[in-house]
Amino acid sequence: EQLHQELRLLLLICVLAGSAPLAVFPRCSSRVHAAVQH
């Protein structure tokens, strides 16, 4: 979680750019969140 916290900004940008799944954030791992990202 500490490592995840340090890369939080980069992971958020990667999710918006399509370089990482939204499930990289544990609270956003449902099918609804996946459908929104798709």
ModelCIF file with pLDDT and N, C-alpha, C, O atoms, coordinates in Angstrom:
data_MODEL
#
_entry.id   MODEL 
#
_entity.id                         1 
_entity.type                       polymer 
_entity.pdbx_number_of_molecules   1 
#
_entity_poly.entity_id                      1 
_entity_poly.type                           'polypeptide(L)' 
_entity_poly.nstd_linkage                   no 
_entity_poly.nstd_monomer                   no 
_entity_poly.pdbx_seq_one_letter_code       EQLHQELRLLLLICVLAGSAPLAVFPRCSSRVHAAVQH 
_entity_poly.pdbx_seq_one_letter_code_can   EQLHQELRLLLLICVLAGSAPLAVFPRCSSRVHAAVQH 
_entity_poly.pdbx_strand_id                 A 
#
loop_
_entity_poly_seq.entity_id 
_entity_poly_seq.num 
_entity_poly_seq.mon_id 
_entity_poly_seq.hetero 
1 1  GLU n 
1 2  GLN n 
1 3  LEU n 
1 4  HIS n 
1 5  GLN n 
1 6  GLU n 
1 7  LEU n 
1 8  ARG n 
1 9  LEU n 
1 10 LEU n 
1 11 LEU n 
1 12 LEU n 
1 13 ILE n 
1 14 CYS n 
1 15 VAL n 
1 16 LEU n 
1 17 ALA n 
1 18 GLY n 
1 19 SER n 
1 20 ALA n 
1 21 PRO n 
1 22 LEU n 
1 23 ALA n 
1 24 VAL n 
1 25 PHE n 
1 26 PRO n 
1 27 ARG n 
1 28 CYS n 
1 29 SER n 
1 30 SER n 
1 31 ARG n 
1 32 VAL n 
1 33 HIS n 
1 34 ALA n 
1 35 ALA n 
1 36 VAL n 
1 37 GLN n 
1 38 HIS n 
#
_struct_asym.id          A 
_struct_asym.entity_id   1 
#
loop_
_ma_qa_metric.id 
_ma_qa_metric.mode 
_ma_qa_metric.name 
_ma_qa_metric.software_group_id 
_ma_qa_metric.type 
1 global pLDDT . pLDDT 
2 local  pLDDT . pLDDT 
#
_ma_qa_metric_global.metric_id      1 
_ma_qa_metric_global.metric_value   80.87 
_ma_qa_metric_global.model_id       1 
_ma_qa_metric_global.ordinal_id     1 
#
loop_
_ma_qa_metric_local.label_asym_id 
_ma_qa_metric_local.label_comp_id 
_ma_qa_metric_local.label_seq_id 
_ma_qa_metric_local.metric_id 
_ma_qa_metric_local.metric_value 
_ma_qa_metric_local.model_id 
_ma_qa_metric_local.ordinal_id 
A GLU 1  2 70.00 1 1  
A GLN 2  2 71.00 1 2  
A LEU 3  2 71.00 1 3  
A HIS 4  2 69.00 1 4  
A GLN 5  2 75.00 1 5  
A GLU 6  2 75.00 1 6  
A LEU 7  2 77.00 1 7  
A ARG 8  2 81.00 1 8  
A LEU 9  2 83.00 1 9  
A LEU 10 2 83.00 1 10 
A LEU 11 2 83.00 1 11 
A LEU 12 2 86.00 1 12 
A ILE 13 2 87.00 1 13 
A CYS 14 2 86.00 1 14 
A VAL 15 2 86.00 1 15 
A LEU 16 2 87.00 1 16 
A ALA 17 2 86.00 1 17 
A GLY 18 2 84.00 1 18 
A SER 19 2 84.00 1 19 
A ALA 20 2 83.00 1 20 
A PRO 21 2 84.00 1 21 
A LEU 22 2 82.00 1 22 
A ALA 23 2 78.00 1 23 
A VAL 24 2 80.00 1 24 
A PHE 25 2 80.00 1 25 
A PRO 26 2 75.00 1 26 
A ARG 27 2 78.00 1 27 
A CYS 28 2 76.00 1 28 
A SER 29 2 74.00 1 29 
A SER 30 2 78.00 1 30 
A ARG 31 2 82.00 1 31 
A VAL 32 2 86.00 1 32 
A HIS 33 2 82.00 1 33 
A ALA 34 2 83.00 1 34 
A ALA 35 2 87.00 1 35 
A VAL 36 2 87.00 1 36 
A GLN 37 2 86.00 1 37 
A HIS 38 2 88.00 1 38 
#
loop_
_atom_site.group_PDB 
_atom_site.id 
_atom_site.type_symbol 
_atom_site.label_atom_id 
_atom_site.label_alt_id 
_atom_site.label_comp_id 
_atom_site.label_asym_id 
_atom_site.label_entity_id 
_atom_site.label_seq_id 
_atom_site.pdbx_PDB_ins_code 
_atom_site.Cartn_x 
_atom_site.Cartn_y 
_atom_site.Cartn_z 
_atom_site.occupancy 
_atom_site.B_iso_or_equiv 
_atom_site.pdbx_formal_charge 
_atom_site.auth_seq_id 
_atom_site.auth_comp_id 
_atom_site.auth_asym_id 
_atom_site.auth_atom_id 
_atom_site.pdbx_PDB_model_num 
ATOM 1   N N  . GLU A 1 1  ? 0.831   -1.208 0.000   1.00 70.00 ? 1  GLU A N  1 
ATOM 2   C CA . GLU A 1 1  ? 0.000   0.000  0.000   1.00 70.00 ? 1  GLU A CA 1 
ATOM 3   C C  . GLU A 1 1  ? 0.863   1.256  0.000   1.00 70.00 ? 1  GLU A C  1 
ATOM 4   O O  . GLU A 1 1  ? 0.497   2.259  -0.612  1.00 70.00 ? 1  GLU A O  1 
ATOM 5   N N  . GLN A 1 2  ? 1.992   1.211  0.672   1.00 71.00 ? 2  GLN A N  1 
ATOM 6   C CA . GLN A 1 2  ? 2.898   2.360  0.682   1.00 71.00 ? 2  GLN A CA 1 
ATOM 7   C C  . GLN A 1 2  ? 3.432   2.635  -0.719  1.00 71.00 ? 2  GLN A C  1 
ATOM 8   O O  . GLN A 1 2  ? 3.464   3.784  -1.160  1.00 71.00 ? 2  GLN A O  1 
ATOM 9   N N  . LEU A 1 3  ? 3.853   1.578  -1.422  1.00 71.00 ? 3  LEU A N  1 
ATOM 10  C CA . LEU A 1 3  ? 4.321   1.739  -2.798  1.00 71.00 ? 3  LEU A CA 1 
ATOM 11  C C  . LEU A 1 3  ? 3.201   2.225  -3.700  1.00 71.00 ? 3  LEU A C  1 
ATOM 12  O O  . LEU A 1 3  ? 3.417   3.076  -4.563  1.00 71.00 ? 3  LEU A O  1 
ATOM 13  N N  . HIS A 1 4  ? 2.002   1.686  -3.503  1.00 69.00 ? 4  HIS A N  1 
ATOM 14  C CA . HIS A 1 4  ? 0.837   2.108  -4.289  1.00 69.00 ? 4  HIS A CA 1 
ATOM 15  C C  . HIS A 1 4  ? 0.538   3.588  -4.065  1.00 69.00 ? 4  HIS A C  1 
ATOM 16  O O  . HIS A 1 4  ? 0.173   4.304  -4.997  1.00 69.00 ? 4  HIS A O  1 
ATOM 17  N N  . GLN A 1 5  ? 0.695   4.037  -2.830  1.00 75.00 ? 5  GLN A N  1 
ATOM 18  C CA . GLN A 1 5  ? 0.426   5.435  -2.509  1.00 75.00 ? 5  GLN A CA 1 
ATOM 19  C C  . GLN A 1 5  ? 1.413   6.366  -3.200  1.00 75.00 ? 5  GLN A C  1 
ATOM 20  O O  . GLN A 1 5  ? 1.039   7.452  -3.644  1.00 75.00 ? 5  GLN A O  1 
ATOM 21  N N  . GLU A 1 6  ? 2.677   5.943  -3.294  1.00 75.00 ? 6  GLU A N  1 
ATOM 22  C CA . GLU A 1 6  ? 3.681   6.788  -3.941  1.00 75.00 ? 6  GLU A CA 1 
ATOM 23  C C  . GLU A 1 6  ? 3.446   6.894  -5.439  1.00 75.00 ? 6  GLU A C  1 
ATOM 24  O O  . GLU A 1 6  ? 3.798   7.903  -6.050  1.00 75.00 ? 6  GLU A O  1 
ATOM 25  N N  . LEU A 1 7  ? 2.857   5.865  -6.038  1.00 77.00 ? 7  LEU A N  1 
ATOM 26  C CA . LEU A 1 7  ? 2.604   5.864  -7.486  1.00 77.00 ? 7  LEU A CA 1 
ATOM 27  C C  . LEU A 1 7  ? 1.155   6.235  -7.813  1.00 77.00 ? 7  LEU A C  1 
ATOM 28  O O  . LEU A 1 7  ? 0.700   6.021  -8.937  1.00 77.00 ? 7  LEU A O  1 
ATOM 29  N N  . ARG A 1 8  ? 0.444   6.778  -6.857  1.00 81.00 ? 8  ARG A N  1 
ATOM 30  C CA . ARG A 1 8  ? -0.989  7.024  -7.039  1.00 81.00 ? 8  ARG A CA 1 
ATOM 31  C C  . ARG A 1 8  ? -1.258  7.979  -8.198  1.00 81.00 ? 8  ARG A C  1 
ATOM 32  O O  . ARG A 1 8  ? -2.140  7.720  -9.018  1.00 81.00 ? 8  ARG A O  1 
ATOM 33  N N  . LEU A 1 9  ? -0.510  9.078  -8.277  1.00 83.00 ? 9  LEU A N  1 
ATOM 34  C CA . LEU A 1 9  ? -0.721  10.053 -9.351  1.00 83.00 ? 9  LEU A CA 1 
ATOM 35  C C  . LEU A 1 9  ? -0.448  9.426  -10.712 1.00 83.00 ? 9  LEU A C  1 
ATOM 36  O O  . LEU A 1 9  ? -1.231  9.598  -11.646 1.00 83.00 ? 9  LEU A O  1 
ATOM 37  N N  . LEU A 1 10 ? 0.655   8.704  -10.826 1.00 83.00 ? 10 LEU A N  1 
ATOM 38  C CA . LEU A 1 10 ? 0.982   8.056  -12.097 1.00 83.00 ? 10 LEU A CA 1 
ATOM 39  C C  . LEU A 1 10 ? -0.071  7.026  -12.473 1.00 83.00 ? 10 LEU A C  1 
ATOM 40  O O  . LEU A 1 10 ? -0.454  6.941  -13.640 1.00 83.00 ? 10 LEU A O  1 
ATOM 41  N N  . LEU A 1 11 ? -0.549  6.242  -11.512 1.00 83.00 ? 11 LEU A N  1 
ATOM 42  C CA . LEU A 1 11 ? -1.562  5.226  -11.801 1.00 83.00 ? 11 LEU A CA 1 
ATOM 43  C C  . LEU A 1 11 ? -2.877  5.870  -12.242 1.00 83.00 ? 11 LEU A C  1 
ATOM 44  O O  . LEU A 1 11 ? -3.559  5.348  -13.124 1.00 83.00 ? 11 LEU A O  1 
ATOM 45  N N  . LEU A 1 12 ? -3.231  6.994  -11.637 1.00 86.00 ? 12 LEU A N  1 
ATOM 46  C CA . LEU A 1 12 ? -4.454  7.691  -12.045 1.00 86.00 ? 12 LEU A CA 1 
ATOM 47  C C  . LEU A 1 12 ? -4.342  8.183  -13.483 1.00 86.00 ? 12 LEU A C  1 
ATOM 48  O O  . LEU A 1 12 ? -5.288  8.052  -14.260 1.00 86.00 ? 12 LEU A O  1 
ATOM 49  N N  . ILE A 1 13 ? -3.188  8.750  -13.843 1.00 87.00 ? 13 ILE A N  1 
ATOM 50  C CA . ILE A 1 13 ? -2.973  9.208  -15.228 1.00 87.00 ? 13 ILE A CA 1 
ATOM 51  C C  . ILE A 1 13 ? -2.977  8.032  -16.180 1.00 87.00 ? 13 ILE A C  1 
ATOM 52  O O  . ILE A 1 13 ? -3.517  8.128  -17.281 1.00 87.00 ? 13 ILE A O  1 
ATOM 53  N N  . CYS A 1 14 ? -2.377  6.913  -15.769 1.00 86.00 ? 14 CYS A N  1 
ATOM 54  C CA . CYS A 1 14 ? -2.352  5.722  -16.618 1.00 86.00 ? 14 CYS A CA 1 
ATOM 55  C C  . CYS A 1 14 ? -3.758  5.165  -16.846 1.00 86.00 ? 14 CYS A C  1 
ATOM 56  O O  . CYS A 1 14 ? -4.067  4.690  -17.939 1.00 86.00 ? 14 CYS A O  1 
ATOM 57  N N  . VAL A 1 15 ? -4.606  5.220  -15.825 1.00 86.00 ? 15 VAL A N  1 
ATOM 58  C CA . VAL A 1 15 ? -5.992  4.751  -15.983 1.00 86.00 ? 15 VAL A CA 1 
ATOM 59  C C  . VAL A 1 15 ? -6.729  5.614  -16.997 1.00 86.00 ? 15 VAL A C  1 
ATOM 60  O O  . VAL A 1 15 ? -7.440  5.087  -17.853 1.00 86.00 ? 15 VAL A O  1 
ATOM 61  N N  . LEU A 1 16 ? -6.570  6.931  -16.913 1.00 87.00 ? 16 LEU A N  1 
ATOM 62  C CA . LEU A 1 16 ? -7.232  7.827  -17.870 1.00 87.00 ? 16 LEU A CA 1 
ATOM 63  C C  . LEU A 1 16 ? -6.687  7.645  -19.282 1.00 87.00 ? 16 LEU A C  1 
ATOM 64  O O  . LEU A 1 16 ? -7.423  7.812  -20.255 1.00 87.00 ? 16 LEU A O  1 
ATOM 65  N N  . ALA A 1 17 ? -5.395  7.302  -19.405 1.00 86.00 ? 17 ALA A N  1 
ATOM 66  C CA . ALA A 1 17 ? -4.779  7.120  -20.724 1.00 86.00 ? 17 ALA A CA 1 
ATOM 67  C C  . ALA A 1 17 ? -4.964  5.716  -21.270 1.00 86.00 ? 17 ALA A C  1 
ATOM 68  O O  . ALA A 1 17 ? -4.577  5.441  -22.406 1.00 86.00 ? 17 ALA A O  1 
ATOM 69  N N  . GLY A 1 18 ? -5.554  4.813  -20.474 1.00 84.00 ? 18 GLY A N  1 
ATOM 70  C CA . GLY A 1 18 ? -5.745  3.446  -20.950 1.00 84.00 ? 18 GLY A CA 1 
ATOM 71  C C  . GLY A 1 18 ? -4.525  2.566  -20.794 1.00 84.00 ? 18 GLY A C  1 
ATOM 72  O O  . GLY A 1 18 ? -4.449  1.502  -21.407 1.00 84.00 ? 18 GLY A O  1 
ATOM 73  N N  . SER A 1 19 ? -3.559  2.994  -19.978 1.00 84.00 ? 19 SER A N  1 
ATOM 74  C CA . SER A 1 19 ? -2.337  2.214  -19.781 1.00 84.00 ? 19 SER A CA 1 
ATOM 75  C C  . SER A 1 19 ? -2.394  1.303  -18.568 1.00 84.00 ? 19 SER A C  1 
ATOM 76  O O  . SER A 1 19 ? -1.485  0.500  -18.355 1.00 84.00 ? 19 SER A O  1 
ATOM 77  N N  . ALA A 1 20 ? -3.451  1.416  -17.768 1.00 83.00 ? 20 ALA A N  1 
ATOM 78  C CA . ALA A 1 20 ? -3.614  0.574  -16.582 1.00 83.00 ? 20 ALA A CA 1 
ATOM 79  C C  . ALA A 1 20 ? -5.103  0.368  -16.341 1.00 83.00 ? 20 ALA A C  1 
ATOM 80  O O  . ALA A 1 20 ? -5.895  1.274  -16.600 1.00 83.00 ? 20 ALA A O  1 
ATOM 81  N N  . PRO A 1 21 ? -5.497  -0.795 -15.856 1.00 84.00 ? 21 PRO A N  1 
ATOM 82  C CA . PRO A 1 21 ? -6.919  -1.024 -15.567 1.00 84.00 ? 21 PRO A CA 1 
ATOM 83  C C  . PRO A 1 21 ? -7.357  -0.241 -14.335 1.00 84.00 ? 21 PRO A C  1 
ATOM 84  O O  . PRO A 1 21 ? -6.552  0.063  -13.455 1.00 84.00 ? 21 PRO A O  1 
ATOM 85  N N  . LEU A 1 22 ? -8.634  0.075  -14.290 1.00 82.00 ? 22 LEU A N  1 
ATOM 86  C CA . LEU A 1 22 ? -9.170  0.806  -13.145 1.00 82.00 ? 22 LEU A CA 1 
ATOM 87  C C  . LEU A 1 22 ? -9.099  -0.027 -11.866 1.00 82.00 ? 22 LEU A C  1 
ATOM 88  O O  . LEU A 1 22 ? -9.159  0.510  -10.760 1.00 82.00 ? 22 LEU A O  1 
ATOM 89  N N  . ALA A 1 23 ? -8.970  -1.353 -12.031 1.00 78.00 ? 23 ALA A N  1 
ATOM 90  C CA . ALA A 1 23 ? -8.867  -2.239 -10.870 1.00 78.00 ? 23 ALA A CA 1 
ATOM 91  C C  . ALA A 1 23 ? -7.572  -2.050 -10.115 1.00 78.00 ? 23 ALA A C  1 
ATOM 92  O O  . ALA A 1 23 ? -7.387  -2.668 -9.067  1.00 78.00 ? 23 ALA A O  1 
ATOM 93  N N  . VAL A 1 24 ? -6.667  -1.218 -10.607 1.00 80.00 ? 24 VAL A N  1 
ATOM 94  C CA . VAL A 1 24 ? -5.446  -0.924 -9.859  1.00 80.00 ? 24 VAL A CA 1 
ATOM 95  C C  . VAL A 1 24 ? -5.768  -0.212 -8.561  1.00 80.00 ? 24 VAL A C  1 
ATOM 96  O O  . VAL A 1 24 ? -4.968  -0.228 -7.626  1.00 80.00 ? 24 VAL A O  1 
ATOM 97  N N  . PHE A 1 25 ? -6.943  0.416  -8.497  1.00 80.00 ? 25 PHE A N  1 
ATOM 98  C CA . PHE A 1 25 ? -7.448  0.986  -7.254  1.00 80.00 ? 25 PHE A CA 1 
ATOM 99  C C  . PHE A 1 25 ? -8.448  -0.013 -6.653  1.00 80.00 ? 25 PHE A C  1 
ATOM 100 O O  . PHE A 1 25 ? -9.480  -0.277 -7.270  1.00 80.00 ? 25 PHE A O  1 
ATOM 101 N N  . PRO A 1 26 ? -8.179  -0.564 -5.490  1.00 75.00 ? 26 PRO A N  1 
ATOM 102 C CA . PRO A 1 26 ? -9.020  -1.635 -4.935  1.00 75.00 ? 26 PRO A CA 1 
ATOM 103 C C  . PRO A 1 26 ? -10.495 -1.275 -4.819  1.00 75.00 ? 26 PRO A C  1 
ATOM 104 O O  . PRO A 1 26 ? -11.354 -2.147 -4.950  1.00 75.00 ? 26 PRO A O  1 
ATOM 105 N N  . ARG A 1 27 ? -10.802 -0.004 -4.577  1.00 78.00 ? 27 ARG A N  1 
ATOM 106 C CA . ARG A 1 27 ? -12.201 0.377  -4.428  1.00 78.00 ? 27 ARG A CA 1 
ATOM 107 C C  . ARG A 1 27 ? -12.936 0.472  -5.760  1.00 78.00 ? 27 ARG A C  1 
ATOM 108 O O  . ARG A 1 27 ? -14.154 0.651  -5.782  1.00 78.00 ? 27 ARG A O  1 
ATOM 109 N N  . CYS A 1 28 ? -12.222 0.356  -6.852  1.00 76.00 ? 28 CYS A N  1 
ATOM 110 C CA . CYS A 1 28 ? -12.837 0.500  -8.184  1.00 76.00 ? 28 CYS A CA 1 
ATOM 111 C C  . CYS A 1 28 ? -12.642 -0.773 -9.008  1.00 76.00 ? 28 CYS A C  1 
ATOM 112 O O  . CYS A 1 28 ? -12.332 -0.707 -10.197 1.00 76.00 ? 28 CYS A O  1 
ATOM 113 N N  . SER A 1 29 ? -12.821 -1.913 -8.381  1.00 74.00 ? 29 SER A N  1 
ATOM 114 C CA . SER A 1 29 ? -12.591 -3.187 -9.060  1.00 74.00 ? 29 SER A CA 1 
ATOM 115 C C  . SER A 1 29 ? -13.879 -3.897 -9.477  1.00 74.00 ? 29 SER A C  1 
ATOM 116 O O  . SER A 1 29 ? -13.843 -5.059 -9.884  1.00 74.00 ? 29 SER A O  1 
ATOM 117 N N  . SER A 1 30 ? -15.009 -3.210 -9.379  1.00 78.00 ? 30 SER A N  1 
ATOM 118 C CA . SER A 1 30 ? -16.277 -3.845 -9.748  1.00 78.00 ? 30 SER A CA 1 
ATOM 119 C C  . SER A 1 30 ? -16.470 -3.817 -11.265 1.00 78.00 ? 30 SER A C  1 
ATOM 120 O O  . SER A 1 30 ? -15.721 -3.158 -11.986 1.00 78.00 ? 30 SER A O  1 
ATOM 121 N N  . ARG A 1 31 ? -17.477 -4.534 -11.731 1.00 82.00 ? 31 ARG A N  1 
ATOM 122 C CA . ARG A 1 31 ? -17.775 -4.578 -13.163 1.00 82.00 ? 31 ARG A CA 1 
ATOM 123 C C  . ARG A 1 31 ? -18.287 -3.235 -13.671 1.00 82.00 ? 31 ARG A C  1 
ATOM 124 O O  . ARG A 1 31 ? -18.066 -2.874 -14.827 1.00 82.00 ? 31 ARG A O  1 
ATOM 125 N N  . VAL A 1 32 ? -18.974 -2.497 -12.798 1.00 86.00 ? 32 VAL A N  1 
ATOM 126 C CA . VAL A 1 32 ? -19.495 -1.186 -13.209 1.00 86.00 ? 32 VAL A CA 1 
ATOM 127 C C  . VAL A 1 32 ? -18.339 -0.239 -13.518 1.00 86.00 ? 32 VAL A C  1 
ATOM 128 O O  . VAL A 1 32 ? -18.363 0.469  -14.525 1.00 86.00 ? 32 VAL A O  1 
ATOM 129 N N  . HIS A 1 33 ? -17.335 -0.229 -12.656 1.00 82.00 ? 33 HIS A N  1 
ATOM 130 C CA . HIS A 1 33 ? -16.170 0.623  -12.894 1.00 82.00 ? 33 HIS A CA 1 
ATOM 131 C C  . HIS A 1 33 ? -15.433 0.189  -14.160 1.00 82.00 ? 33 HIS A C  1 
ATOM 132 O O  . HIS A 1 33 ? -14.962 1.030  -14.926 1.00 82.00 ? 33 HIS A O  1 
ATOM 133 N N  . ALA A 1 34 ? -15.335 -1.122 -14.379 1.00 83.00 ? 34 ALA A N  1 
ATOM 134 C CA . ALA A 1 34 ? -14.674 -1.614 -15.599 1.00 83.00 ? 34 ALA A CA 1 
ATOM 135 C C  . ALA A 1 34 ? -15.443 -1.193 -16.838 1.00 83.00 ? 34 ALA A C  1 
ATOM 136 O O  . ALA A 1 34 ? -14.844 -0.823 -17.847 1.00 83.00 ? 34 ALA A O  1 
ATOM 137 N N  . ALA A 1 35 ? -16.781 -1.246 -16.768 1.00 87.00 ? 35 ALA A N  1 
ATOM 138 C CA . ALA A 1 35 ? -17.596 -0.838 -17.913 1.00 87.00 ? 35 ALA A CA 1 
ATOM 139 C C  . ALA A 1 35 ? -17.434 0.654  -18.199 1.00 87.00 ? 35 ALA A C  1 
ATOM 140 O O  . ALA A 1 35 ? -17.394 1.068  -19.357 1.00 87.00 ? 35 ALA A O  1 
ATOM 141 N N  . VAL A 1 36 ? -17.342 1.456  -17.139 1.00 87.00 ? 36 VAL A N  1 
ATOM 142 C CA . VAL A 1 36 ? -17.140 2.901  -17.327 1.00 87.00 ? 36 VAL A CA 1 
ATOM 143 C C  . VAL A 1 36 ? -15.804 3.176  -18.009 1.00 87.00 ? 36 VAL A C  1 
ATOM 144 O O  . VAL A 1 36 ? -15.725 3.999  -18.920 1.00 87.00 ? 36 VAL A O  1 
ATOM 145 N N  . GLN A 1 37 ? -14.757 2.484  -17.566 1.00 86.00 ? 37 GLN A N  1 
ATOM 146 C CA . GLN A 1 37 ? -13.449 2.692  -18.199 1.00 86.00 ? 37 GLN A CA 1 
ATOM 147 C C  . GLN A 1 37 ? -13.449 2.232  -19.652 1.00 86.00 ? 37 GLN A C  1 
ATOM 148 O O  . GLN A 1 37 ? -12.862 2.890  -20.511 1.00 86.00 ? 37 GLN A O  1 
ATOM 149 N N  . HIS A 1 38 ? -14.109 1.099  -19.936 1.00 88.00 ? 38 HIS A N  1 
ATOM 150 C CA . HIS A 1 38 ? -14.179 0.626  -21.318 1.00 88.00 ? 38 HIS A CA 1 
ATOM 151 C C  . HIS A 1 38 ? -14.904 1.630  -22.213 1.00 88.00 ? 38 HIS A C  1 
ATOM 152 O O  . HIS A 1 38 ? -15.055 1.393  -23.411 1.00 88.00 ? 38 HIS A O  1 
#
